[in-house]
Amino acid sequence: MNDTPCPYSRMILVCLNERPGGEPACGARNARPTFDALKAAVATAGLKETVRVTKTGCLGPCDLGPNIVVVPEGRLLSGVGPGDVPAILKSYVQTEM
């Protein structure tokens, strides 16, 4: 096992979980465009070296998704869409900009 410091000061985890049979899931609630918009916004802002946007499995309240978690703040944001990306970056990544 290697134990090294994380190179990112901020991580944004985006649930893209899919569930069979029509069960509530972020993937079925159009989470992919939000993930893509976050990745693009971080890249455009020149923050790829310090802010990591990554896809993940279930983060919890599936019926409220799409859900994202911002680390290290530990904030769970639900009902997130591509239109929320500027506010997310302003609220949680402004110190990087």
PDB file of N, CA and C in Angstrom:
ATOM      1  N   MET A   1       0.845  -1.180   0.000  1.00  0.00           N
ATOM      2  CA  MET A   1       0.000   0.000   0.000  1.00  0.00           C
ATOM      3  C   MET A   1       0.886   1.236   0.000  1.00  0.00           C
ATOM      4  N   ASN A   2       0.534   2.191  -0.829  1.00  0.00           N
ATOM      5  CA  ASN A   2       1.198   3.494  -0.837  1.00  0.00           C
ATOM      6  C   ASN A   2       0.275   4.519  -0.210  1.00  0.00           C
ATOM      7  N   ASP A   3       0.826   5.413   0.561  1.00  0.00           N
ATOM      8  CA  ASP A   3       0.063   6.484   1.197  1.00  0.00           C
ATOM      9  C   ASP A   3       0.703   7.799   0.781  1.00  0.00           C
ATOM     10  N   THR A   4       0.055   8.504  -0.148  1.00  0.00           N
ATOM     11  CA  THR A   4       0.588   9.768  -0.646  1.00  0.00           C
ATOM     12  C   THR A   4      -0.484  10.840  -0.565  1.00  0.00           C
ATOM     13  N   PRO A   5      -0.093  12.095  -0.498  1.00  0.00           N
ATOM     14  CA  PRO A   5      -1.070  13.177  -0.464  1.00  0.00           C
ATOM     15  C   PRO A   5      -1.878  13.227  -1.761  1.00  0.00           C
ATOM     16  N   CYS A   6      -3.128  13.548  -1.639  1.00  0.00           N
ATOM     17  CA  CYS A   6      -3.991  13.716  -2.807  1.00  0.00           C
ATOM     18  C   CYS A   6      -3.552  14.979  -3.545  1.00  0.00           C
ATOM     19  N   PRO A   7      -3.387  14.907  -4.857  1.00  0.00           N
ATOM     20  CA  PRO A   7      -2.933  16.084  -5.600  1.00  0.00           C
ATOM     21  C   PRO A   7      -4.019  17.141  -5.801  1.00  0.00           C
ATOM     22  N   TYR A   8      -5.246  16.821  -5.419  1.00  0.00           N
ATOM     23  CA  TYR A   8      -6.362  17.747  -5.643  1.00  0.00           C
ATOM     24  C   TYR A   8      -6.783  18.404  -4.335  1.00  0.00           C
ATOM     25  N   SER A   9      -7.033  19.695  -4.391  1.00  0.00           N
ATOM     26  CA  SER A   9      -7.524  20.390  -3.203  1.00  0.00           C
ATOM     27  C   SER A   9      -9.040  20.276  -3.090  1.00  0.00           C
ATOM     28  N   ARG A  10      -9.683  19.886  -4.180  1.00  0.00           N
ATOM     29  CA  ARG A  10     -11.130  19.771  -4.202  1.00  0.00           C
ATOM     30  C   ARG A  10     -11.512  18.615  -5.113  1.00  0.00           C
ATOM     31  N   MET A  11     -12.494  17.804  -4.690  1.00  0.00           N
ATOM     32  CA  MET A  11     -13.028  16.741  -5.537  1.00  0.00           C
ATOM     33  C   MET A  11     -14.542  16.885  -5.602  1.00  0.00           C
ATOM     34  N   ILE A  12     -15.074  16.721  -6.797  1.00  0.00           N
ATOM     35  CA  ILE A  12     -16.518  16.771  -7.007  1.00  0.00           C
ATOM     36  C   ILE A  12     -16.929  15.404  -7.533  1.00  0.00           C
ATOM     37  N   LEU A  13     -17.691  14.677  -6.721  1.00  0.00           N
ATOM     38  CA  LEU A  13     -18.129  13.324  -7.056  1.00  0.00           C
ATOM     39  C   LEU A  13     -19.544  13.395  -7.617  1.00  0.00           C
ATOM     40  N   VAL A  14     -19.745  12.862  -8.800  1.00  0.00           N
ATOM     41  CA  VAL A  14     -21.042  12.933  -9.472  1.00  0.00           C
ATOM     42  C   VAL A  14     -21.593  11.517  -9.613  1.00  0.00           C
ATOM     43  N   CYS A  15     -22.750  11.263  -9.024  1.00  0.00           N
ATOM     44  CA  CYS A  15     -23.375   9.949  -9.132  1.00  0.00           C
ATOM     45  C   CYS A  15     -23.921   9.752 -10.544  1.00  0.00           C
ATOM     46  N   LEU A  16     -23.506   8.662 -11.180  1.00  0.00           N
ATOM     47  CA  LEU A  16     -24.038   8.264 -12.485  1.00  0.00           C
ATOM     48  C   LEU A  16     -24.666   6.872 -12.386  1.00  0.00           C
ATOM     49  N   ASN A  17     -25.051   6.483 -11.177  1.00  0.00           N
ATOM     50  CA  ASN A  17     -25.579   5.143 -10.939  1.00  0.00           C
ATOM     51  C   ASN A  17     -26.834   4.868 -11.761  1.00  0.00           C
ATOM     52  N   GLU A  18     -26.914   3.654 -12.282  1.00  0.00           N
ATOM     53  CA  GLU A  18     -28.085   3.170 -13.016  1.00  0.00           C
ATOM     54  C   GLU A  18     -28.687   2.014 -12.225  1.00  0.00           C
ATOM     55  N   ARG A  19     -30.012   1.941 -12.187  1.00  0.00           N
ATOM     56  CA  ARG A  19     -30.691   0.837 -11.519  1.00  0.00           C
ATOM     57  C   ARG A  19     -31.666   0.188 -12.500  1.00  0.00           C
ATOM     58  N   PRO A  20     -31.778  -1.118 -12.436  1.00  0.00           N
ATOM     59  CA  PRO A  20     -32.719  -1.790 -13.342  1.00  0.00           C
ATOM     60  C   PRO A  20     -34.165  -1.597 -12.908  1.00  0.00           C
ATOM     61  N   GLY A  21     -35.063  -1.796 -13.830  1.00  0.00           N
ATOM     62  CA  GLY A  21     -36.483  -1.804 -13.497  1.00  0.00           C
ATOM     63  C   GLY A  21     -37.091  -0.458 -13.183  1.00  0.00           C
ATOM     64  N   GLY A  22     -36.472   0.613 -13.600  1.00  0.00           N
ATOM     65  CA  GLY A  22     -37.061   1.928 -13.379  1.00  0.00           C
ATOM     66  C   GLY A  22     -36.934   2.467 -11.970  1.00  0.00           C
ATOM     67  N   GLU A  23     -36.119   1.831 -11.142  1.00  0.00           N
ATOM     68  CA  GLU A  23     -35.887   2.348  -9.791  1.00  0.00           C
ATOM     69  C   GLU A  23     -35.228   3.720  -9.880  1.00  0.00           C
ATOM     70  N   PRO A  24     -35.508   4.625  -8.925  1.00  0.00           N
ATOM     71  CA  PRO A  24     -34.872   5.946  -8.960  1.00  0.00           C
ATOM     72  C   PRO A  24     -33.350   5.827  -8.960  1.00  0.00           C
ATOM     73  N   ALA A  25     -32.715   6.582  -9.826  1.00  0.00           N
ATOM     74  CA  ALA A  25     -31.253   6.579  -9.917  1.00  0.00           C
ATOM     75  C   ALA A  25     -30.802   7.836 -10.642  1.00  0.00           C
ATOM     76  N   CYS A  26     -29.660   8.351 -10.242  1.00  0.00           N
ATOM     77  CA  CYS A  26     -29.137   9.581 -10.845  1.00  0.00           C
ATOM     78  C   CYS A  26     -28.872   9.419 -12.336  1.00  0.00           C
ATOM     79  N   GLY A  27     -28.370   8.256 -12.729  1.00  0.00           N
ATOM     80  CA  GLY A  27     -28.097   8.029 -14.144  1.00  0.00           C
ATOM     81  C   GLY A  27     -29.343   8.165 -14.998  1.00  0.00           C
ATOM     82  N   ALA A  28     -30.466   7.710 -14.472  1.00  0.00           N
ATOM     83  CA  ALA A  28     -31.735   7.807 -15.191  1.00  0.00           C
ATOM     84  C   ALA A  28     -32.331   9.211 -15.108  1.00  0.00           C
ATOM     85  N   ARG A  29     -31.783  10.023 -14.236  1.00  0.00           N
ATOM     86  CA  ARG A  29     -32.287  11.392 -14.061  1.00  0.00           C
ATOM     87  C   ARG A  29     -31.387  12.411 -14.751  1.00  0.00           C
ATOM     88  N   ASN A  30     -30.695  11.955 -15.775  1.00  0.00           N
ATOM     89  CA  ASN A  30     -29.922  12.866 -16.631  1.00  0.00           C
ATOM     90  C   ASN A  30     -28.696  13.453 -15.933  1.00  0.00           C
ATOM     91  N   ALA A  31     -27.999  12.640 -15.150  1.00  0.00           N
ATOM     92  CA  ALA A  31     -26.805  13.117 -14.448  1.00  0.00           C
ATOM     93  C   ALA A  31     -25.609  13.306 -15.375  1.00  0.00           C
ATOM     94  N   ARG A  32     -25.545  12.574 -16.473  1.00  0.00           N
ATOM     95  CA  ARG A  32     -24.388  12.654 -17.382  1.00  0.00           C
ATOM     96  C   ARG A  32     -24.146  14.073 -17.889  1.00  0.00           C
ATOM     97  N   PRO A  33     -25.170  14.831 -18.321  1.00  0.00           N
ATOM     98  CA  PRO A  33     -24.906  16.205 -18.767  1.00  0.00           C
ATOM     99  C   PRO A  33     -24.324  17.091 -17.662  1.00  0.00           C
ATOM    100  N   THR A  34     -24.710  16.845 -16.422  1.00  0.00           N
ATOM    101  CA  THR A  34     -24.150  17.610 -15.306  1.00  0.00           C
ATOM    102  C   THR A  34     -22.677  17.265 -15.124  1.00  0.00           C
ATOM    103  N   PHE A  35     -22.359  15.988 -15.171  1.00  0.00           N
ATOM    104  CA  PHE A  35     -20.965  15.546 -15.091  1.00  0.00           C
ATOM    105  C   PHE A  35     -20.138  16.187 -16.204  1.00  0.00           C
ATOM    106  N   ASP A  36     -20.643  16.117 -17.427  1.00  0.00           N
ATOM    107  CA  ASP A  36     -19.925  16.687 -18.572  1.00  0.00           C
ATOM    108  C   ASP A  36     -19.734  18.196 -18.423  1.00  0.00           C
ATOM    109  N   ALA A  37     -20.776  18.887 -17.935  1.00  0.00           N
ATOM    110  CA  ALA A  37     -20.691  20.343 -17.757  1.00  0.00           C
ATOM    111  C   ALA A  37     -19.678  20.712 -16.674  1.00  0.00           C
ATOM    112  N   LEU A  38     -19.647  19.954 -15.588  1.00  0.00           N
ATOM    113  CA  LEU A  38     -18.665  20.210 -14.527  1.00  0.00           C
ATOM    114  C   LEU A  38     -17.242  19.991 -15.032  1.00  0.00           C
ATOM    115  N   LYS A  39     -17.018  18.884 -15.751  1.00  0.00           N
ATOM    116  CA  LYS A  39     -15.684  18.607 -16.300  1.00  0.00           C
ATOM    117  C   LYS A  39     -15.241  19.737 -17.230  1.00  0.00           C
ATOM    118  N   ALA A  40     -16.145  20.169 -18.105  1.00  0.00           N
ATOM    119  CA  ALA A  40     -15.812  21.225 -19.061  1.00  0.00           C
ATOM    120  C   ALA A  40     -15.528  22.542 -18.352  1.00  0.00           C
ATOM    121  N   ALA A  41     -16.331  22.887 -17.352  1.00  0.00           N
ATOM    122  CA  ALA A  41     -16.151  24.155 -16.641  1.00  0.00           C
ATOM    123  C   ALA A  41     -14.829  24.180 -15.877  1.00  0.00           C
ATOM    124  N   VAL A  42     -14.479  23.074 -15.250  1.00  0.00           N
ATOM    125  CA  VAL A  42     -13.203  22.993 -14.528  1.00  0.00           C
ATOM    126  C   VAL A  42     -12.040  23.126 -15.508  1.00  0.00           C
ATOM    127  N   ALA A  43     -12.146  22.472 -16.649  1.00  0.00           N
ATOM    128  CA  ALA A  43     -11.086  22.567 -17.665  1.00  0.00           C
ATOM    129  C   ALA A  43     -10.977  23.983 -18.212  1.00  0.00           C
ATOM    130  N   THR A  44     -12.108  24.596 -18.524  1.00  0.00           N
ATOM    131  CA  THR A  44     -12.123  25.958 -19.066  1.00  0.00           C
ATOM    132  C   THR A  44     -11.519  26.952 -18.081  1.00  0.00           C
ATOM    133  N   ALA A  45     -11.772  26.731 -16.789  1.00  0.00           N
ATOM    134  CA  ALA A  45     -11.232  27.616 -15.751  1.00  0.00           C
ATOM    135  C   ALA A  45      -9.757  27.332 -15.461  1.00  0.00           C
ATOM    136  N   GLY A  46      -9.186  26.325 -16.116  1.00  0.00           N
ATOM    137  CA  GLY A  46      -7.778  25.996 -15.895  1.00  0.00           C
ATOM    138  C   GLY A  46      -7.503  25.355 -14.548  1.00  0.00           C
ATOM    139  N   LEU A  47      -8.481  24.612 -14.036  1.00  0.00           N
ATOM    140  CA  LEU A  47      -8.368  24.060 -12.685  1.00  0.00           C
ATOM    141  C   LEU A  47      -8.157  22.550 -12.640  1.00  0.00           C
ATOM    142  N   LYS A  48      -7.870  21.933 -13.777  1.00  0.00           N
ATOM    143  CA  LYS A  48      -7.754  20.473 -13.820  1.00  0.00           C
ATOM    144  C   LYS A  48      -6.655  19.921 -12.914  1.00  0.00           C
ATOM    145  N   GLU A  49      -5.671  20.721 -12.594  1.00  0.00           N
ATOM    146  CA  GLU A  49      -4.580  20.247 -11.733  1.00  0.00           C
ATOM    147  C   GLU A  49      -4.956  20.235 -10.255  1.00  0.00           C
ATOM    148  N   THR A  50      -5.973  21.014  -9.870  1.00  0.00           N
ATOM    149  CA  THR A  50      -6.326  21.120  -8.452  1.00  0.00           C
ATOM    150  C   THR A  50      -7.746  20.670  -8.127  1.00  0.00           C
ATOM    151  N   VAL A  51      -8.619  20.586  -9.129  1.00  0.00           N
ATOM    152  CA  VAL A  51     -10.009  20.183  -8.907  1.00  0.00           C
ATOM    153  C   VAL A  51     -10.293  18.955  -9.759  1.00  0.00           C
ATOM    154  N   ARG A  52     -10.757  17.900  -9.127  1.00  0.00           N
ATOM    155  CA  ARG A  52     -11.050  16.653  -9.836  1.00  0.00           C
ATOM    156  C   ARG A  52     -12.552  16.422  -9.841  1.00  0.00           C
ATOM    157  N   VAL A  53     -13.127  16.263 -11.027  1.00  0.00           N
ATOM    158  CA  VAL A  53     -14.529  15.877 -11.182  1.00  0.00           C
ATOM    159  C   VAL A  53     -14.516  14.409 -11.586  1.00  0.00           C
ATOM    160  N   THR A  54     -15.185  13.581 -10.797  1.00  0.00           N
ATOM    161  CA  THR A  54     -15.163  12.149 -11.080  1.00  0.00           C
ATOM    162  C   THR A  54     -16.547  11.540 -10.921  1.00  0.00           C
ATOM    163  N   LYS A  55     -16.824  10.522 -11.712  1.00  0.00           N
ATOM    164  CA  LYS A  55     -18.105   9.831 -11.607  1.00  0.00           C
ATOM    165  C   LYS A  55     -18.022   8.794 -10.507  1.00  0.00           C
ATOM    166  N   THR A  56     -19.169   8.530  -9.908  1.00  0.00           N
ATOM    167  CA  THR A  56     -19.223   7.577  -8.811  1.00  0.00           C
ATOM    168  C   THR A  56     -20.544   6.827  -8.862  1.00  0.00           C
ATOM    169  N   GLY A  57     -20.646   5.827  -8.014  1.00  0.00           N
ATOM    170  CA  GLY A  57     -21.898   5.106  -7.848  1.00  0.00           C
ATOM    171  C   GLY A  57     -22.794   5.857  -6.877  1.00  0.00           C
ATOM    172  N   CYS A  58     -23.733   5.154  -6.314  1.00  0.00           N
ATOM    173  CA  CYS A  58     -24.775   5.756  -5.483  1.00  0.00           C
ATOM    174  C   CYS A  58     -24.199   6.571  -4.320  1.00  0.00           C
ATOM    175  N   LEU A  59     -24.769   7.766  -4.156  1.00  0.00           N
ATOM    176  CA  LEU A  59     -24.370   8.658  -3.067  1.00  0.00           C
ATOM    177  C   LEU A  59     -25.472   8.826  -2.029  1.00  0.00           C
ATOM    178  N   GLY A  60     -26.606   8.175  -2.233  1.00  0.00           N
ATOM    179  CA  GLY A  60     -27.645   8.269  -1.221  1.00  0.00           C
ATOM    180  C   GLY A  60     -29.035   8.515  -1.758  1.00  0.00           C
ATOM    181  N   PRO A  61     -29.558   9.724  -1.595  1.00  0.00           N
ATOM    182  CA  PRO A  61     -30.982   9.973  -1.852  1.00  0.00           C
ATOM    183  C   PRO A  61     -31.342   9.923  -3.346  1.00  0.00           C
ATOM    184  N   CYS A  62     -31.489   8.702  -3.864  1.00  0.00           N
ATOM    185  CA  CYS A  62     -31.716   8.492  -5.302  1.00  0.00           C
ATOM    186  C   CYS A  62     -32.946   9.233  -5.824  1.00  0.00           C
ATOM    187  N   ASP A  63     -33.980   9.317  -4.996  1.00  0.00           N
ATOM    188  CA  ASP A  63     -35.208   9.975  -5.445  1.00  0.00           C
ATOM    189  C   ASP A  63     -35.054  11.489  -5.551  1.00  0.00           C
ATOM    190  N   LEU A  64     -33.951  12.047  -5.072  1.00  0.00           N
ATOM    191  CA  LEU A  64     -33.703  13.489  -5.153  1.00  0.00           C
ATOM    192  C   LEU A  64     -32.641  13.849  -6.188  1.00  0.00           C
ATOM    193  N   GLY A  65     -32.055  12.850  -6.835  1.00  0.00           N
ATOM    194  CA  GLY A  65     -30.929  13.073  -7.748  1.00  0.00           C
ATOM    195  C   GLY A  65     -31.269  13.896  -8.963  1.00  0.00           C
ATOM    196  N   PRO A  66     -30.238  14.209  -9.716  1.00  0.00           N
ATOM    197  CA  PRO A  66     -28.843  13.820  -9.596  1.00  0.00           C
ATOM    198  C   PRO A  66     -28.173  14.413  -8.351  1.00  0.00           C
ATOM    199  N   ASN A  67     -27.284  13.614  -7.777  1.00  0.00           N
ATOM    200  CA  ASN A  67     -26.572  13.994  -6.562  1.00  0.00           C
ATOM    201  C   ASN A  67     -25.080  14.133  -6.828  1.00  0.00           C
ATOM    202  N   ILE A  68     -24.482  15.119  -6.152  1.00  0.00           N
ATOM    203  CA  ILE A  68     -23.027  15.264  -6.174  1.00  0.00           C
ATOM    204  C   ILE A  68     -22.548  15.510  -4.747  1.00  0.00           C
ATOM    205  N   VAL A  69     -21.303  15.149  -4.487  1.00  0.00           N
ATOM    206  CA  VAL A  69     -20.665  15.444  -3.205  1.00  0.00           C
ATOM    207  C   VAL A  69     -19.419  16.264  -3.493  1.00  0.00           C
ATOM    208  N   VAL A  70     -19.249  17.345  -2.727  1.00  0.00           N
ATOM    209  CA  VAL A  70     -18.066  18.193  -2.848  1.00  0.00           C
ATOM    210  C   VAL A  70     -17.170  17.913  -1.646  1.00  0.00           C
ATOM    211  N   VAL A  71     -15.925  17.548  -1.930  1.00  0.00           N
ATOM    212  CA  VAL A  71     -14.941  17.212  -0.901  1.00  0.00           C
ATOM    213  C   VAL A  71     -13.801  18.219  -1.002  1.00  0.00           C
ATOM    214  N   PRO A  72     -13.286  18.807   0.045  1.00  0.00           N
ATOM    215  CA  PRO A  72     -13.371  18.357   1.421  1.00  0.00           C
ATOM    216  C   PRO A  72     -14.543  18.916   2.217  1.00  0.00           C
ATOM    217  N   GLU A  73     -15.388  19.722   1.606  1.00  0.00           N
ATOM    218  CA  GLU A  73     -16.489  20.323   2.351  1.00  0.00           C
ATOM    219  C   GLU A  73     -17.472  19.301   2.885  1.00  0.00           C
ATOM    220  N   GLY A  74     -17.581  18.157   2.194  1.00  0.00           N
ATOM    221  CA  GLY A  74     -18.525  17.137   2.628  1.00  0.00           C
ATOM    222  C   GLY A  74     -19.965  17.534   2.380  1.00  0.00           C
ATOM    223  N   ARG A  75     -20.210  18.300   1.330  1.00  0.00           N
ATOM    224  CA  ARG A  75     -21.560  18.767   1.022  1.00  0.00           C
ATOM    225  C   ARG A  75     -22.205  17.852  -0.007  1.00  0.00           C
ATOM    226  N   LEU A  76     -23.437  17.417   0.260  1.00  0.00           N
ATOM    227  CA  LEU A  76     -24.232  16.635  -0.671  1.00  0.00           C
ATOM    228  C   LEU A  76     -25.225  17.574  -1.329  1.00  0.00           C
ATOM    229  N   LEU A  77     -25.125  17.708  -2.640  1.00  0.00           N
ATOM    230  CA  LEU A  77     -26.036  18.558  -3.400  1.00  0.00           C
ATOM    231  C   LEU A  77     -26.946  17.658  -4.218  1.00  0.00           C
ATOM    232  N   SER A  78     -28.256  17.862  -4.119  1.00  0.00           N
ATOM    233  CA  SER A  78     -29.232  17.023  -4.814  1.00  0.00           C
ATOM    234  C   SER A  78     -30.029  17.838  -5.810  1.00  0.00           C
ATOM    235  N   GLY A  79     -30.573  17.152  -6.804  1.00  0.00           N
ATOM    236  CA  GLY A  79     -31.365  17.822  -7.828  1.00  0.00           C
ATOM    237  C   GLY A  79     -30.523  18.736  -8.694  1.00  0.00           C
ATOM    238  N   VAL A  80     -29.272  18.370  -8.887  1.00  0.00           N
ATOM    239  CA  VAL A  80     -28.313  19.202  -9.607  1.00  0.00           C
ATOM    240  C   VAL A  80     -28.453  18.985 -11.112  1.00  0.00           C
ATOM    241  N   GLY A  81     -28.376  20.086 -11.857  1.00  0.00           N
ATOM    242  CA  GLY A  81     -28.396  20.020 -13.313  1.00  0.00           C
ATOM    243  C   GLY A  81     -27.277  20.864 -13.893  1.00  0.00           C
ATOM    244  N   PRO A  82     -27.079  20.784 -15.201  1.00  0.00           N
ATOM    245  CA  PRO A  82     -26.012  21.559 -15.841  1.00  0.00           C
ATOM    246  C   PRO A  82     -26.100  23.058 -15.559  1.00  0.00           C
ATOM    247  N   GLY A  83     -27.296  23.580 -15.408  1.00  0.00           N
ATOM    248  CA  GLY A  83     -27.467  24.997 -15.118  1.00  0.00           C
ATOM    249  C   GLY A  83     -26.947  25.416 -13.753  1.00  0.00           C
ATOM    250  N   ASP A  84     -26.727  24.450 -12.869  1.00  0.00           N
ATOM    251  CA  ASP A  84     -26.214  24.739 -11.523  1.00  0.00           C
ATOM    252  C   ASP A  84     -24.691  24.821 -11.469  1.00  0.00           C
ATOM    253  N   VAL A  85     -24.027  24.436 -12.545  1.00  0.00           N
ATOM    254  CA  VAL A  85     -22.564  24.360 -12.539  1.00  0.00           C
ATOM    255  C   VAL A  85     -21.899  25.690 -12.185  1.00  0.00           C
ATOM    256  N   PRO A  86     -22.291  26.830 -12.770  1.00  0.00           N
ATOM    257  CA  PRO A  86     -21.637  28.085 -12.375  1.00  0.00           C
ATOM    258  C   PRO A  86     -21.752  28.378 -10.875  1.00  0.00           C
ATOM    259  N   ALA A  87     -22.919  28.120 -10.294  1.00  0.00           N
ATOM    260  CA  ALA A  87     -23.105  28.373  -8.860  1.00  0.00           C
ATOM    261  C   ALA A  87     -22.261  27.418  -8.018  1.00  0.00           C
ATOM    262  N   ILE A  88     -22.146  26.173  -8.454  1.00  0.00           N
ATOM    263  CA  ILE A  88     -21.323  25.197  -7.727  1.00  0.00           C
ATOM    264  C   ILE A  88     -19.869  25.640  -7.738  1.00  0.00           C
ATOM    265  N   LEU A  89     -19.388  26.029  -8.902  1.00  0.00           N
ATOM    266  CA  LEU A  89     -17.996  26.485  -8.976  1.00  0.00           C
ATOM    267  C   LEU A  89     -17.782  27.740  -8.144  1.00  0.00           C
ATOM    268  N   LYS A  90     -18.729  28.657  -8.193  1.00  0.00           N
ATOM    269  CA  LYS A  90     -18.595  29.892  -7.414  1.00  0.00           C
ATOM    270  C   LYS A  90     -18.600  29.602  -5.911  1.00  0.00           C
ATOM    271  N   SER A  91     -19.471  28.700  -5.484  1.00  0.00           N
ATOM    272  CA  SER A  91     -19.605  28.412  -4.054  1.00  0.00           C
ATOM    273  C   SER A  91     -18.474  27.572  -3.485  1.00  0.00           C
ATOM    274  N   TYR A  92     -17.991  26.608  -4.273  1.00  0.00           N
ATOM    275  CA  TYR A  92     -17.062  25.630  -3.716  1.00  0.00           C
ATOM    276  C   TYR A  92     -15.660  25.658  -4.302  1.00  0.00           C
ATOM    277  N   VAL A  93     -15.482  26.347  -5.420  1.00  0.00           N
ATOM    278  CA  VAL A  93     -14.180  26.323  -6.076  1.00  0.00           C
ATOM    279  C   VAL A  93     -13.616  27.728  -6.222  1.00  0.00           C
ATOM    280  N   GLN A  94     -14.328  28.732  -5.743  1.00  0.00           N
ATOM    281  CA  GLN A  94     -13.902  30.122  -5.935  1.00  0.00           C
ATOM    282  C   GLN A  94     -12.510  30.386  -5.379  1.00  0.00           C
ATOM    283  N   THR A  95     -12.109  29.660  -4.344  1.00  0.00           N
ATOM    284  CA  THR A  95     -10.774  29.871  -3.785  1.00  0.00           C
ATOM    285  C   THR A  95      -9.686  29.401  -4.739  1.00  0.00           C
ATOM    286  N   GLU A  96     -10.052  28.542  -5.697  1.00  0.00           N
ATOM    287  CA  GLU A  96      -9.090  28.047  -6.675  1.00  0.00           C
ATOM    288  C   GLU A  96      -8.952  29.001  -7.860  1.00  0.00           C
ATOM    289  N   MET A  97      -9.956  29.860  -8.035  1.00  0.00           N
ATOM    290  CA  MET A  97     -10.006  30.704  -9.238  1.00  0.00           C
ATOM    291  C   MET A  97      -9.229  31.988  -9.047  1.00  0.00           C
TER     292      MET A  97
END
